[in-house]
C-alpha atoms as a PDB file:
ATOM      1  CA  UNK A   1       0.007   0.002  -0.014  1.00  0.00           C
ATOM      2  CA  UNK A   2       1.214   3.479  -0.834  1.00  0.00           C
ATOM      3  CA  UNK A   3      -0.180   6.917  -1.578  1.00  0.00           C
ATOM      4  CA  UNK A   4       0.035   7.989  -5.203  1.00  0.00           C
ATOM      5  CA  UNK A   5       2.058  11.213  -5.453  1.00  0.00           C
ATOM      6  CA  UNK A   6       0.029  12.350  -8.470  1.00  0.00           C
ATOM      7  CA  UNK A   7      -3.620  11.824  -7.522  1.00  0.00           C
ATOM      8  CA  UNK A   8      -3.237  11.249  -3.776  1.00  0.00           C
ATOM      9  CA  UNK A   9      -5.219   8.011  -3.712  1.00  0.00           C
ATOM     10  CA  UNK A  10      -4.172   5.142  -1.415  1.00  0.00           C
ATOM     11  CA  UNK A  11      -3.642   1.961  -3.429  1.00  0.00           C
ATOM     12  CA  UNK A  12      -4.848  -1.436  -2.329  1.00  0.00           C
ATOM     13  CA  UNK A  13      -2.371  -4.083  -1.147  1.00  0.00           C
ATOM     14  CA  UNK A  14      -0.201  -5.891  -3.730  1.00  0.00           C
ATOM     15  CA  UNK A  15      -0.487  -3.103  -6.356  1.00  0.00           C
ATOM     16  CA  UNK A  16       2.892  -2.285  -7.835  1.00  0.00           C
ATOM     17  CA  UNK A  17       4.269   1.233  -7.556  1.00  0.00           C
ATOM     18  CA  UNK A  18       5.379   2.822 -10.782  1.00  0.00           C
ATOM     19  CA  UNK A  19       7.967   5.619 -11.043  1.00  0.00           C
ATOM     20  CA  UNK A  20       7.616   8.521 -13.446  1.00  0.00           C
ATOM     21  CA  UNK A  21      10.420  10.973 -14.231  1.00  0.00           C
ATOM     22  CA  UNK A  22       9.066  14.460 -13.698  1.00  0.00           C
ATOM     23  CA  UNK A  23      12.155  16.624 -14.206  1.00  0.00           C
ATOM     24  CA  UNK A  24      15.522  16.107 -15.937  1.00  0.00           C
ATOM     25  CA  UNK A  25      18.539  18.266 -16.683  1.00  0.00           C
ATOM     26  CA  UNK A  26      21.361  18.062 -19.228  1.00  0.00           C
ATOM     27  CA  UNK A  27      24.738  16.961 -17.956  1.00  0.00           C
ATOM     28  CA  UNK A  28      28.247  17.072 -19.448  1.00  0.00           C
ATOM     29  CA  UNK A  29      30.593  14.337 -18.274  1.00  0.00           C
ATOM     30  CA  UNK A  30      34.307  15.192 -18.499  1.00  0.00           C
ATOM     31  CA  UNK A  31      37.053  13.071 -20.094  1.00  0.00           C
ATOM     32  CA  UNK A  32      38.851  10.893 -17.537  1.00  0.00           C
ATOM     33  CA  UNK A  33      42.203   9.291 -18.282  1.00  0.00           C
ATOM     34  CA  UNK A  34      42.811   5.592 -17.456  1.00  0.00           C
ATOM     35  CA  UNK A  35      39.867   5.037 -15.118  1.00  0.00           C
ATOM     36  CA  UNK A  36      37.938   2.132 -16.641  1.00  0.00           C
ATOM     37  CA  UNK A  37      39.459  -1.162 -15.538  1.00  0.00           C
ATOM     38  CA  UNK A  38      38.370  -4.112 -17.669  1.00  0.00           C
ATOM     39  CA  UNK A  39      39.472  -7.712 -17.989  1.00  0.00           C
ATOM     40  CA  UNK A  40      41.013  -8.309 -21.394  1.00  0.00           C
ATOM     41  CA  UNK A  41      40.277 -11.825 -22.568  1.00  0.00           C
ATOM     42  CA  UNK A  42      42.293 -11.647 -25.825  1.00  0.00           C
ATOM     43  CA  UNK A  43      45.432 -12.841 -24.131  1.00  0.00           C
ATOM     44  CA  UNK A  44      46.094 -16.473 -23.108  1.00  0.00           C
ATOM     45  CA  UNK A  45      45.952 -15.347 -19.483  1.00  0.00           C
ATOM     46  CA  UNK A  46      43.227 -12.745 -18.809  1.00  0.00           C
ATOM     47  CA  UNK A  47      44.674  -9.559 -17.421  1.00  0.00           C
ATOM     48  CA  UNK A  48      43.384  -6.245 -16.089  1.00  0.00           C
ATOM     49  CA  UNK A  49      43.731  -3.212 -18.385  1.00  0.00           C
ATOM     50  CA  UNK A  50      42.886   0.453 -17.878  1.00  0.00           C
ATOM     51  CA  UNK A  51      41.195   2.520 -20.597  1.00  0.00           C
ATOM     52  CA  UNK A  52      40.175   6.120 -20.943  1.00  0.00           C
ATOM     53  CA  UNK A  53      36.609   7.189 -20.242  1.00  0.00           C
ATOM     54  CA  UNK A  54      35.630   9.445 -23.163  1.00  0.00           C
ATOM     55  CA  UNK A  55      33.001  11.388 -21.211  1.00  0.00           C
ATOM     56  CA  UNK A  56      30.222  13.021 -23.220  1.00  0.00           C
ATOM     57  CA  UNK A  57      26.746  14.437 -22.669  1.00  0.00           C
ATOM     58  CA  UNK A  58      23.620  12.952 -21.188  1.00  0.00           C
ATOM     59  CA  UNK A  59      20.615  13.538 -18.939  1.00  0.00           C
ATOM     60  CA  UNK A  60      20.247  13.310 -15.172  1.00  0.00           C
ATOM     61  CA  UNK A  61      16.982  12.657 -13.282  1.00  0.00           C
ATOM     62  CA  UNK A  62      16.249  15.591 -10.989  1.00  0.00           C
ATOM     63  CA  UNK A  63      12.890  14.420  -9.650  1.00  0.00           C
ATOM     64  CA  UNK A  64      10.730  11.353 -10.009  1.00  0.00           C
ATOM     65  CA  UNK A  65       7.465  10.458  -8.348  1.00  0.00           C
ATOM     66  CA  UNK A  66       5.805   7.181  -7.297  1.00  0.00           C
ATOM     67  CA  UNK A  67       2.379   6.763  -8.900  1.00  0.00           C
ATOM     68  CA  UNK A  68      -0.391   4.185  -9.247  1.00  0.00           C
ATOM     69  CA  UNK A  69      -0.816   2.241 -12.539  1.00  0.00           C
ATOM     70  CA  UNK A  70      -3.785   4.356 -13.804  1.00  0.00           C
ATOM     71  CA  UNK A  71      -1.770   7.563 -13.291  1.00  0.00           C
ATOM     72  CA  UNK A  72       1.242   5.979 -15.040  1.00  0.00           C
ATOM     73  CA  UNK A  73      -0.931   5.255 -18.084  1.00  0.00           C
ATOM     74  CA  UNK A  74      -2.260   8.855 -18.023  1.00  0.00           C
ATOM     75  CA  UNK A  75       1.185  10.456 -17.625  1.00  0.00           C
ATOM     76  CA  UNK A  76       3.104   8.178 -20.010  1.00  0.00           C
ATOM     77  CA  UNK A  77       0.860   7.172 -22.888  1.00  0.00           C
ATOM     78  CA  UNK A  78       1.786   4.097 -24.929  1.00  0.00           C
ATOM     79  CA  UNK A  79       4.277   5.151 -27.624  1.00  0.00           C
ATOM     80  CA  UNK A  80       3.099   2.346 -29.970  1.00  0.00           C
ATOM     81  CA  UNK A  81      -0.519   3.573 -30.002  1.00  0.00           C
ATOM     82  CA  UNK A  82      -1.499   5.284 -33.235  1.00  0.00           C
ATOM     83  CA  UNK A  83      -2.785   8.877 -33.170  1.00  0.00           C
ATOM     84  CA  UNK A  84      -4.990   8.594 -36.306  1.00  0.00           C
END
């Protein structure tokens, strides 16, 4: 049982809570030299190698809410549904 953070209704027992991302922000990740340690299996004896992390851009979740299944369907409509 939990209270939906969108509609405020209390859900019955054994109903799964869904999470919905409400707010995001852009993020730039810097280049990092020799930080990613991986196991290289190309050699006869596997060994540990370090590689550079190229960095890049992406998105961070700022805020997400816990909602009931009907609110999830209302907030995140099915992307495969046709709009004809």
